[in-house]
Amino acid sequence: MLGKKEWAPNTDRLVRSAMSDERYCTFILDCLHEEQFAMTGEELHNFWDRASKSDLTVAQFIEENRNA
């Protein structure tokens, strides 16, 4: 396709606003690949709830959750 660009996440975007785009949710989980397997359904729900209320950027949120 002519002119079609590959999607690249803006990791400086606030994570709470990025939550409306499924690509960001997938990106975040991919970055935390090992950690996501350790989450129960309730923990995953709480994870996204925290993200939706966070003042962190996508990059900061990922880093914070890597160290959690």
C-alpha atoms as a PDB file:
ATOM      1  CA  MET A   1       0.000   0.000   0.000  1.00  0.00           C
ATOM      2  CA  LEU A   2       1.331   3.324  -0.993  1.00  0.00           C
ATOM      3  CA  GLY A   3       1.945   5.804   1.811  1.00  0.00           C
ATOM      4  CA  LYS A   4       1.013   3.455   4.654  1.00  0.00           C
ATOM      5  CA  LYS A   5       3.320   3.895   7.637  1.00  0.00           C
ATOM      6  CA  GLU A   6       3.996   1.315  10.308  1.00  0.00           C
ATOM      7  CA  TRP A   7       2.539   2.281  13.675  1.00  0.00           C
ATOM      8  CA  ALA A   8       5.071   3.425  16.255  1.00  0.00           C
ATOM      9  CA  PRO A   9       3.945   4.135  19.814  1.00  0.00           C
ATOM     10  CA  ASN A  10       4.491   7.558  21.324  1.00  0.00           C
ATOM     11  CA  THR A  11       5.944   6.534  24.676  1.00  0.00           C
ATOM     12  CA  ASP A  12       5.773  10.151  25.888  1.00  0.00           C
ATOM     13  CA  ARG A  13       1.965  10.029  25.689  1.00  0.00           C
ATOM     14  CA  LEU A  14       0.120   9.819  29.015  1.00  0.00           C
ATOM     15  CA  VAL A  15      -0.770   6.217  29.668  1.00  0.00           C
ATOM     16  CA  ARG A  16      -4.317   7.110  30.771  1.00  0.00           C
ATOM     17  CA  SER A  17      -5.086   8.633  27.361  1.00  0.00           C
ATOM     18  CA  ALA A  18      -3.288   5.851  25.510  1.00  0.00           C
ATOM     19  CA  MET A  19      -5.656   3.322  27.066  1.00  0.00           C
ATOM     20  CA  SER A  20      -8.283   4.213  24.471  1.00  0.00           C
ATOM     21  CA  ASP A  21      -6.069   2.722  21.731  1.00  0.00           C
ATOM     22  CA  GLU A  22      -5.793  -1.072  21.822  1.00  0.00           C
ATOM     23  CA  ARG A  23      -2.389  -0.879  20.130  1.00  0.00           C
ATOM     24  CA  TYR A  24      -0.962   0.794  23.244  1.00  0.00           C
ATOM     25  CA  CYS A  25      -2.451  -1.872  25.512  1.00  0.00           C
ATOM     26  CA  THR A  26      -0.806  -4.542  23.382  1.00  0.00           C
ATOM     27  CA  PHE A  27       2.469  -2.605  23.330  1.00  0.00           C
ATOM     28  CA  ILE A  28       2.519  -2.264  27.123  1.00  0.00           C
ATOM     29  CA  LEU A  29       1.801  -5.956  27.655  1.00  0.00           C
ATOM     30  CA  ASP A  30       4.444  -6.903  25.092  1.00  0.00           C
ATOM     31  CA  CYS A  31       6.999  -4.801  26.990  1.00  0.00           C
ATOM     32  CA  LEU A  32       6.019  -6.547  30.223  1.00  0.00           C
ATOM     33  CA  HIS A  33       5.724  -9.985  28.604  1.00  0.00           C
ATOM     34  CA  GLU A  34       7.075 -12.032  31.500  1.00  0.00           C
ATOM     35  CA  GLU A  35       5.123 -10.105  34.122  1.00  0.00           C
ATOM     36  CA  GLN A  36       1.746 -10.499  32.393  1.00  0.00           C
ATOM     37  CA  PHE A  37       1.811 -14.272  32.742  1.00  0.00           C
ATOM     38  CA  ALA A  38       2.021 -13.912  36.507  1.00  0.00           C
ATOM     39  CA  MET A  39      -1.211 -11.871  36.679  1.00  0.00           C
ATOM     40  CA  THR A  40      -4.597 -13.232  37.619  1.00  0.00           C
ATOM     41  CA  GLY A  41      -7.686 -11.794  35.951  1.00  0.00           C
ATOM     42  CA  GLU A  42      -8.270  -9.541  38.949  1.00  0.00           C
ATOM     43  CA  GLU A  43      -4.638  -8.357  38.942  1.00  0.00           C
ATOM     44  CA  LEU A  44      -4.869  -7.599  35.228  1.00  0.00           C
ATOM     45  CA  HIS A  45      -8.075  -5.627  35.792  1.00  0.00           C
ATOM     46  CA  ASN A  46      -6.369  -3.650  38.598  1.00  0.00           C
ATOM     47  CA  PHE A  47      -3.328  -3.088  36.357  1.00  0.00           C
ATOM     48  CA  TRP A  48      -5.474  -1.447  33.645  1.00  0.00           C
ATOM     49  CA  ASP A  49      -7.461   0.461  36.262  1.00  0.00           C
ATOM     50  CA  ARG A  50      -4.197   1.965  37.591  1.00  0.00           C
ATOM     51  CA  ALA A  51      -3.127   2.799  34.039  1.00  0.00           C
ATOM     52  CA  SER A  52      -6.414   4.585  33.329  1.00  0.00           C
ATOM     53  CA  LYS A  53      -5.871   6.864  36.367  1.00  0.00           C
ATOM     54  CA  SER A  54      -2.125   7.375  36.030  1.00  0.00           C
ATOM     55  CA  ASP A  55      -0.288  10.649  35.425  1.00  0.00           C
ATOM     56  CA  LEU A  56       2.714   8.733  34.040  1.00  0.00           C
ATOM     57  CA  THR A  57       3.735   8.496  30.415  1.00  0.00           C
ATOM     58  CA  VAL A  58       3.576   5.142  28.655  1.00  0.00           C
ATOM     59  CA  ALA A  59       7.355   4.735  29.088  1.00  0.00           C
ATOM     60  CA  GLN A  60       7.240   5.645  32.778  1.00  0.00           C
ATOM     61  CA  PHE A  61       4.318   3.301  33.407  1.00  0.00           C
ATOM     62  CA  ILE A  62       6.140   0.415  31.761  1.00  0.00           C
ATOM     63  CA  GLU A  63       9.301   1.110  33.744  1.00  0.00           C
ATOM     64  CA  GLU A  64       7.381   1.414  37.010  1.00  0.00           C
ATOM     65  CA  ASN A  65       5.681  -1.914  36.409  1.00  0.00           C
ATOM     66  CA  ARG A  66       8.906  -3.642  35.412  1.00  0.00           C
ATOM     67  CA  ASN A  67      10.254  -2.827  38.847  1.00  0.00           C
ATOM     68  CA  ALA A  68       7.057  -3.677  40.740  1.00  0.00           C
END
